């Protein structure tokens, strides 16, 4: 039996006499049932591109993979691009805003499209970011008889494209948003509830983002801590807990604009149950709520990090009590920014912030 998309099955020659079964739509929810139904059959699954890169191969369990050049390899071969010097982003079943995190001056990207409308969405995203001059080449039906290339700039893009395509992008623009924590405050939509740039950078250094790990950002505000944790590496995950629905919506918008639409936003008053176990917890708001620190420490994995920022006298008192009990690292940061004073420049101080960092003990 051969399983595959209708397009793929139609490409098989008549000499293949095995029974052909097309994937239903949506595909992924149906996979376990189909595999169980045909468990006594010899199965061949057709997959385009690289089945082990955001593909069906990793979802099937033990399989023997017979490889063919992937769409990324073919695209780089057609364009003469060094594959090690590009970033590859899949938006097949994933938000197109993932591209935002990889848009930097002079970078080359390859985007694996979901369908013929994806190039237009990517072009609109680039133009909104100020990268409308970026050169896009849409490579259609790579390796097939109908292979074709369409090239143009993002701000002049005309669509739609053929359904089977990948997008090669040469980024041309000036806006720089580094993956290093400490993005400009202006990068965020905010009502003022925002961990300021300098404090944010120090806070993230204490949280120590590690690929594959999960952060809780408690009292999310504008979501800056969760977002910049997630921007460090594509596998970094974050949950922002924010009680105010308006602010929660703002976190989601900021996450999409800054290329990490996977940040999960939970609209709730912390402490809250049912969240995935974190590797790090940041408490930026609500510290004086009953049981807040106990909840965070109990949830953390052994060896996980808790970082608390305190601004008010009351929250500093909570930090002082817990520091006396558990120890850890205590630092106070005062930041002053230069601003006009008449015809001169003076220093305007921001509110000082006390940062407490402690690691959960690893059980013997």
Protein backbone atom coordinates (compact mmCIF):
# COMPACT_ATOMS: atom_id res chain seq x y z
CA UNK A 1 0.00 0.00 0.00
CA UNK A 2 1.17 3.52 -0.82
CA UNK A 3 0.10 6.50 1.32
CA UNK A 4 0.57 10.04 0.10
CA UNK A 5 -1.00 13.25 -1.08
CA UNK A 6 -3.16 13.06 -4.20
CA UNK A 7 -0.59 15.05 -6.17
CA UNK A 8 2.16 12.64 -5.13
CA UNK A 9 0.10 9.54 -5.89
CA UNK A 10 -0.74 10.88 -9.35
CA UNK A 11 3.00 11.05 -10.12
CA UNK A 12 3.44 7.30 -9.65
CA UNK A 13 3.88 5.31 -12.88
CA UNK A 14 1.32 2.66 -13.82
CA UNK A 15 3.86 -0.07 -13.13
CA UNK A 16 3.28 0.56 -9.41
CA UNK A 17 0.33 -1.73 -8.72
CA UNK A 18 0.10 -1.27 -4.95
CA UNK A 19 -3.14 0.08 -3.51
CA UNK A 20 -3.04 3.87 -3.26
CA UNK A 21 -4.53 5.76 -0.32
CA UNK A 22 -4.60 9.57 -0.23
CA UNK A 23 -4.12 11.42 3.02
CA UNK A 24 -7.31 13.06 4.29
CA UNK A 25 -7.37 16.74 5.25
CA UNK A 26 -6.36 17.64 7.88
CA UNK A 27 -3.67 15.00 7.65
CA UNK A 28 -1.89 14.82 10.99
CA UNK A 29 -4.91 13.93 13.18
CA UNK A 30 -5.65 11.02 10.82
CA UNK A 31 -2.15 9.51 10.84
CA UNK A 32 -2.45 7.31 13.98
CA UNK A 33 -5.78 5.85 12.81
CA UNK A 34 -4.51 5.06 9.33
CA UNK A 35 -1.35 3.42 10.64
CA UNK A 36 -3.42 1.31 13.03
CA UNK A 37 -5.90 0.37 10.29
CA UNK A 38 -3.19 -0.83 7.95
CA UNK A 39 -0.71 -2.18 10.50
CA UNK A 40 -0.68 -5.59 8.84
CA UNK A 41 0.16 -4.17 5.42
CA UNK A 42 3.53 -3.30 3.89
CA UNK A 43 3.36 0.51 3.72
CA UNK A 44 5.22 3.04 1.62
CA UNK A 45 4.66 6.71 2.48
CA UNK A 46 5.39 9.41 -0.11
CA UNK A 47 6.74 12.72 1.22
CA UNK A 48 7.99 15.78 -0.61
CA UNK A 49 11.20 17.52 0.37
CA UNK A 50 12.98 16.22 3.46
CA UNK A 51 10.58 13.98 5.43
CA UNK A 52 12.71 14.37 8.58
CA UNK A 53 12.72 18.20 8.53
CA UNK A 54 9.29 19.33 9.77
CA UNK A 55 8.04 16.39 7.69
CA UNK A 56 5.89 13.31 8.03
CA UNK A 57 8.84 10.96 8.60
CA UNK A 58 9.32 11.92 12.25
CA UNK A 59 5.61 11.29 12.96
CA UNK A 60 5.46 7.69 11.76
CA UNK A 61 7.61 5.89 14.31
CA UNK A 62 10.35 3.49 13.15
CA UNK A 63 10.67 3.85 9.37
CA UNK A 64 13.23 3.31 6.66
CA UNK A 65 13.77 6.61 4.87
CA UNK A 66 14.78 6.56 1.20
CA UNK A 67 16.03 10.06 0.61
CA UNK A 68 15.95 12.32 -2.42
CA UNK A 69 17.40 15.84 -2.73
CA UNK A 70 15.21 18.13 -0.62
CA UNK A 71 13.63 21.35 -1.84
CA UNK A 72 16.22 23.30 0.17
CA UNK A 73 19.10 21.46 -1.51
CA UNK A 74 17.56 21.96 -4.92
CA UNK A 75 16.87 25.66 -4.30
CA UNK A 76 20.45 26.30 -3.17
CA UNK A 77 21.74 24.40 -6.20
CA UNK A 78 19.62 26.48 -8.58
CA UNK A 79 20.65 29.78 -7.00
CA UNK A 80 24.28 28.96 -6.24
CA UNK A 81 23.79 29.63 -2.53
CA UNK A 82 25.94 27.99 0.15
CA UNK A 83 23.46 26.03 2.25
CA UNK A 84 25.40 26.57 5.49
CA UNK A 85 24.99 30.33 5.11
CA UNK A 86 21.20 30.42 4.96
CA UNK A 87 18.35 30.15 7.44
CA UNK A 88 15.52 27.75 6.66
CA UNK A 89 12.03 28.47 7.99
CA UNK A 90 9.06 26.18 7.53
CA UNK A 91 5.61 27.80 7.52
CA UNK A 92 3.84 24.58 6.55
CA UNK A 93 1.15 24.41 9.20
CA UNK A 94 2.98 27.11 11.16
CA UNK A 95 2.54 30.91 11.41
CA UNK A 96 4.16 32.94 8.65
CA UNK A 97 5.30 35.44 11.32
CA UNK A 98 8.13 33.01 12.15
CA UNK A 99 9.96 34.69 9.28
CA UNK A 100 10.16 37.92 11.31
CA UNK A 101 12.74 36.47 13.69
CA UNK A 102 15.19 35.77 10.85
CA UNK A 103 14.91 39.02 8.89
CA UNK A 104 18.24 40.83 9.16
CA UNK A 105 20.23 43.00 6.72
CA UNK A 106 22.01 41.02 3.97
CA UNK A 107 20.79 37.63 5.25
CA UNK A 108 19.55 34.89 2.93
CA UNK A 109 16.48 32.88 3.87
CA UNK A 110 14.62 29.95 2.40
CA UNK A 111 10.98 29.64 3.39
CA UNK A 112 9.13 26.37 2.91
CA UNK A 113 5.69 27.45 1.71
CA UNK A 114 2.32 26.15 2.84
CA UNK A 115 0.63 26.91 -0.48
CA UNK A 116 0.49 29.32 -3.40
CA UNK A 117 -0.58 32.19 -1.17
CA UNK A 118 2.47 32.01 1.09
CA UNK A 119 4.79 34.15 -1.10
CA UNK A 120 2.29 37.02 -1.01
CA UNK A 121 2.03 36.81 2.76
CA UNK A 122 5.82 36.78 3.12
CA UNK A 123 6.12 39.76 0.77
CA UNK A 124 3.61 41.73 2.85
CA UNK A 125 5.45 40.83 6.05
CA UNK A 126 8.81 41.96 4.63
CA UNK A 127 7.33 45.22 3.36
CA UNK A 128 5.76 45.98 6.74
CA UNK A 129 9.13 45.39 8.43
CA UNK A 130 10.83 47.93 6.14
CA UNK A 131 12.39 45.20 3.99
CA UNK A 132 10.31 45.83 0.89
CA UNK A 133 13.44 46.03 -1.26
CA UNK A 134 14.27 42.39 -0.45
CA UNK A 135 14.62 40.18 -3.53
CA UNK A 136 12.30 37.17 -3.52
CA UNK A 137 12.69 34.20 -5.85
CA UNK A 138 9.84 31.71 -5.77
CA UNK A 139 10.99 28.31 -7.04
CA UNK A 140 7.96 26.33 -8.18
CA UNK A 141 7.72 22.56 -8.62
CA UNK A 142 11.44 22.02 -8.00
CA UNK A 143 12.71 18.86 -9.67
CA UNK A 144 9.53 18.40 -11.68
CA UNK A 145 8.73 18.85 -15.35
CA UNK A 146 7.00 22.16 -14.60
CA UNK A 147 9.88 23.69 -12.63
CA UNK A 148 9.78 27.49 -12.78
CA UNK A 149 11.28 30.58 -11.11
CA UNK A 150 9.66 33.95 -10.44
CA UNK A 151 11.80 36.82 -9.09
CA UNK A 152 10.84 40.25 -7.82
CA UNK A 153 11.02 42.59 -4.84
CA UNK A 154 8.75 42.15 -1.85
CA UNK A 155 7.09 45.55 -2.22
CA UNK A 156 6.23 44.87 -5.87
CA UNK A 157 5.24 41.24 -5.49
CA UNK A 158 2.49 39.88 -7.72
CA UNK A 159 0.77 36.58 -6.93
CA UNK A 160 -0.45 33.99 -6.46
CA UNK A 161 2.18 31.30 -7.04
CA UNK A 162 1.85 27.62 -7.86
CA UNK A 163 0.88 25.60 -4.79
CA UNK A 164 4.17 23.67 -4.60
CA UNK A 165 6.91 26.24 -4.03
CA UNK A 166 9.74 27.44 -1.82
CA UNK A 167 10.75 31.07 -1.35
CA UNK A 168 14.35 32.29 -1.47
CA UNK A 169 14.86 35.75 0.08
CA UNK A 170 17.81 38.13 -0.04
CA UNK A 171 17.02 40.51 2.82
CA UNK A 172 17.49 44.19 2.01
CA UNK A 173 16.62 46.65 4.75
CA UNK A 174 18.09 48.66 7.61
CA UNK A 175 16.11 47.73 10.74
CA UNK A 176 18.23 45.65 13.11
CA UNK A 177 16.57 43.59 15.85
CA UNK A 178 19.21 41.38 17.42
CA UNK A 179 18.55 37.97 18.97
CA UNK A 180 20.56 39.19 21.97
CA UNK A 181 18.23 40.26 24.82
CA UNK A 182 17.74 43.99 25.23
CA UNK A 183 15.63 45.05 22.25
CA UNK A 184 14.72 48.75 22.09
CA UNK A 185 11.66 49.60 24.17
CA UNK A 186 10.13 51.01 20.98
CA UNK A 187 10.05 47.51 19.47
CA UNK A 188 7.09 46.74 21.74
CA UNK A 189 3.50 47.87 21.77
CA UNK A 190 3.02 48.80 25.40
CA UNK A 191 0.87 50.71 27.88
CA UNK A 192 3.98 51.40 29.97
CA UNK A 193 3.94 47.99 31.69
CA UNK A 194 7.27 47.00 30.16
CA UNK A 195 10.55 45.78 31.64
CA UNK A 196 12.94 48.43 30.37
CA UNK A 197 15.68 47.54 27.93
CA UNK A 198 18.68 47.63 30.27
CA UNK A 199 16.91 45.77 33.08
CA UNK A 200 15.53 43.26 30.56
CA UNK A 201 19.02 42.39 29.34
CA UNK A 202 20.26 41.75 32.89
CA UNK A 203 17.12 39.78 33.77
CA UNK A 204 17.50 37.48 30.75
CA UNK A 205 21.15 36.91 31.62
CA UNK A 206 19.99 35.62 35.02
CA UNK A 207 17.26 33.45 33.48
CA UNK A 208 19.89 31.90 31.16
CA UNK A 209 17.84 30.82 28.10
CA UNK A 210 18.81 27.31 26.99
CA UNK A 211 17.65 25.68 23.73
CA UNK A 212 14.65 23.45 24.29
CA UNK A 213 13.76 24.85 27.70
CA UNK A 214 10.50 26.42 28.90
CA UNK A 215 10.04 29.77 30.67
CA UNK A 216 7.10 31.07 32.66
CA UNK A 217 6.81 34.87 32.42
CA UNK A 218 4.47 35.74 35.29
CA UNK A 219 2.81 39.12 35.09
CA UNK A 220 3.62 39.30 31.40
CA UNK A 221 2.83 42.99 30.78
CA UNK A 222 3.97 43.54 27.20
CA UNK A 223 5.54 40.07 27.06
CA UNK A 224 9.10 41.29 26.60
CA UNK A 225 10.77 38.67 28.81
CA UNK A 226 8.91 35.73 27.24
CA UNK A 227 9.52 37.11 23.75
CA UNK A 228 13.25 37.72 24.14
CA UNK A 229 13.73 34.33 25.81
CA UNK A 230 12.06 32.76 22.75
CA UNK A 231 14.15 34.78 20.28
CA UNK A 232 17.41 33.32 21.63
CA UNK A 233 16.79 29.98 19.85
CA UNK A 234 13.89 28.55 17.83
CA UNK A 235 13.44 25.73 20.34
CA UNK A 236 13.13 28.04 23.36
CA UNK A 237 9.52 28.02 24.60
CA UNK A 238 7.64 30.45 26.82
CA UNK A 239 4.31 30.84 28.58
CA UNK A 240 3.26 34.37 29.54
CA UNK A 241 0.72 34.57 32.38
CA UNK A 242 -1.20 37.85 32.33
CA UNK A 243 -4.47 38.55 34.13
CA UNK A 244 -5.51 41.56 32.02
CA UNK A 245 -7.11 40.49 28.70
CA UNK A 246 -6.07 43.69 26.93
CA UNK A 247 -2.46 43.20 27.89
CA UNK A 248 -2.67 39.51 27.02
CA UNK A 249 -3.79 40.43 23.50
CA UNK A 250 -0.93 42.87 23.27
CA UNK A 251 1.56 40.14 24.22
CA UNK A 252 0.30 38.02 21.34
CA UNK A 253 0.69 40.87 18.85
CA UNK A 254 4.20 41.67 20.08
CA UNK A 255 5.18 38.01 19.83
CA UNK A 256 4.00 37.80 16.22
CA UNK A 257 5.68 41.04 15.20
CA UNK A 258 8.98 39.92 16.73
CA UNK A 259 8.95 36.49 15.12
CA UNK A 260 7.98 34.21 18.00
CA UNK A 261 4.25 33.55 17.52
CA UNK A 262 4.61 30.34 19.51
CA UNK A 263 4.68 32.24 22.82
CA UNK A 264 1.68 30.89 24.73
CA UNK A 265 -0.43 33.50 26.51
CA UNK A 266 -2.52 32.40 29.49
CA UNK A 267 -5.12 34.91 30.66
CA UNK A 268 -5.28 34.19 34.38
CA UNK A 269 -4.39 35.47 37.82
CA UNK A 270 -1.27 33.70 39.07
CA UNK A 271 -0.81 31.35 40.84
CA UNK A 272 -2.51 29.13 38.26
CA UNK A 273 -2.59 25.35 37.82
CA UNK A 274 -2.18 23.17 34.77
CA UNK A 275 0.84 24.76 33.10
CA UNK A 276 3.68 22.69 31.65
CA UNK A 277 6.65 22.26 34.00
CA UNK A 278 9.11 25.17 33.57
CA UNK A 279 12.89 25.23 33.49
CA UNK A 280 12.90 28.91 34.50
CA UNK A 281 10.35 31.26 36.04
CA UNK A 282 10.34 35.04 35.93
CA UNK A 283 8.07 36.98 38.27
CA UNK A 284 7.73 40.54 37.09
CA UNK A 285 4.32 41.30 38.55
CA UNK A 286 2.06 40.12 41.35
CA UNK A 287 4.93 39.18 43.65
CA UNK A 288 2.99 40.19 46.77
CA UNK A 289 0.13 37.78 45.99
CA UNK A 290 -0.21 35.00 48.54
CA UNK A 291 1.81 31.90 47.69
CA UNK A 292 3.41 33.32 44.54
CA UNK A 293 7.02 32.37 45.29
CA UNK A 294 6.02 29.01 46.81
CA UNK A 295 4.04 28.20 43.64
CA UNK A 296 6.94 29.09 41.35
CA UNK A 297 9.49 27.10 43.34
CA UNK A 298 7.24 24.05 43.58
CA UNK A 299 6.65 24.09 39.81
CA UNK A 300 10.29 24.43 38.77
CA UNK A 301 12.30 21.46 37.60
CA UNK A 302 15.23 20.61 39.90
CA UNK A 303 18.09 22.88 38.89
CA UNK A 304 15.68 25.43 37.40
CA UNK A 305 16.09 29.17 37.85
CA UNK A 306 13.73 31.62 39.56
CA UNK A 307 14.28 35.31 38.84
CA UNK A 308 12.23 38.00 40.56
CA UNK A 309 12.21 41.71 39.78
CA UNK A 310 11.03 44.02 42.55
CA UNK A 311 10.34 47.74 42.19
CA UNK A 312 8.08 48.67 45.10
CA UNK A 313 8.93 48.71 48.80
CA UNK A 314 6.37 45.96 49.39
CA UNK A 315 7.79 43.64 46.73
CA UNK A 316 11.33 44.30 47.94
CA UNK A 317 10.23 43.20 51.41
CA UNK A 318 9.04 39.88 49.95
CA UNK A 319 12.36 39.44 48.16
CA UNK A 320 14.30 40.22 51.34
CA UNK A 321 12.44 37.55 53.31
CA UNK A 322 12.96 34.88 50.65
CA UNK A 323 16.62 35.81 50.17
CA UNK A 324 17.18 35.42 53.90
CA UNK A 325 15.55 32.00 53.73
CA UNK A 326 17.00 30.55 50.50
CA UNK A 327 19.98 32.71 49.64
CA UNK A 328 20.73 33.23 45.98
CA UNK A 329 21.99 36.27 44.12
CA UNK A 330 20.71 39.75 44.94
CA UNK A 331 21.49 42.79 42.83
CA UNK A 332 20.03 46.29 42.54
CA UNK A 333 20.14 48.12 39.23
CA UNK A 334 19.81 51.85 38.75
CA UNK A 335 19.68 53.19 35.19
CA UNK A 336 19.81 56.81 34.06
CA UNK A 337 19.18 57.88 30.50
CA UNK A 338 20.46 61.02 28.86
CA UNK A 339 17.73 63.49 27.93
CA UNK A 340 17.49 67.17 26.94
CA UNK A 341 17.65 69.79 29.68
CA UNK A 342 17.13 73.08 27.88
CA UNK A 343 19.97 73.27 25.41
CA UNK A 344 22.03 70.72 27.32
CA UNK A 345 21.85 67.03 28.19
CA UNK A 346 21.13 65.69 31.65
CA UNK A 347 20.51 62.36 33.32
CA UNK A 348 16.98 61.18 34.06
CA UNK A 349 16.90 58.16 36.37
CA UNK A 350 14.54 55.25 35.93
CA UNK A 351 13.10 53.52 39.00
CA UNK A 352 15.71 51.21 40.55
CA UNK A 353 15.02 47.49 40.27
CA UNK A 354 16.03 44.76 42.70
CA UNK A 355 16.69 41.39 41.04
CA UNK A 356 16.74 38.19 43.06
CA UNK A 357 17.97 34.98 41.44
CA UNK A 358 17.87 31.53 43.01
CA UNK A 359 18.19 27.98 41.66
CA UNK A 360 16.04 25.10 42.85
CA UNK A 361 18.07 22.43 44.53
CA UNK A 362 18.63 19.17 42.69
CA UNK A 363 17.45 16.22 44.78
CA UNK A 364 20.21 13.86 45.81
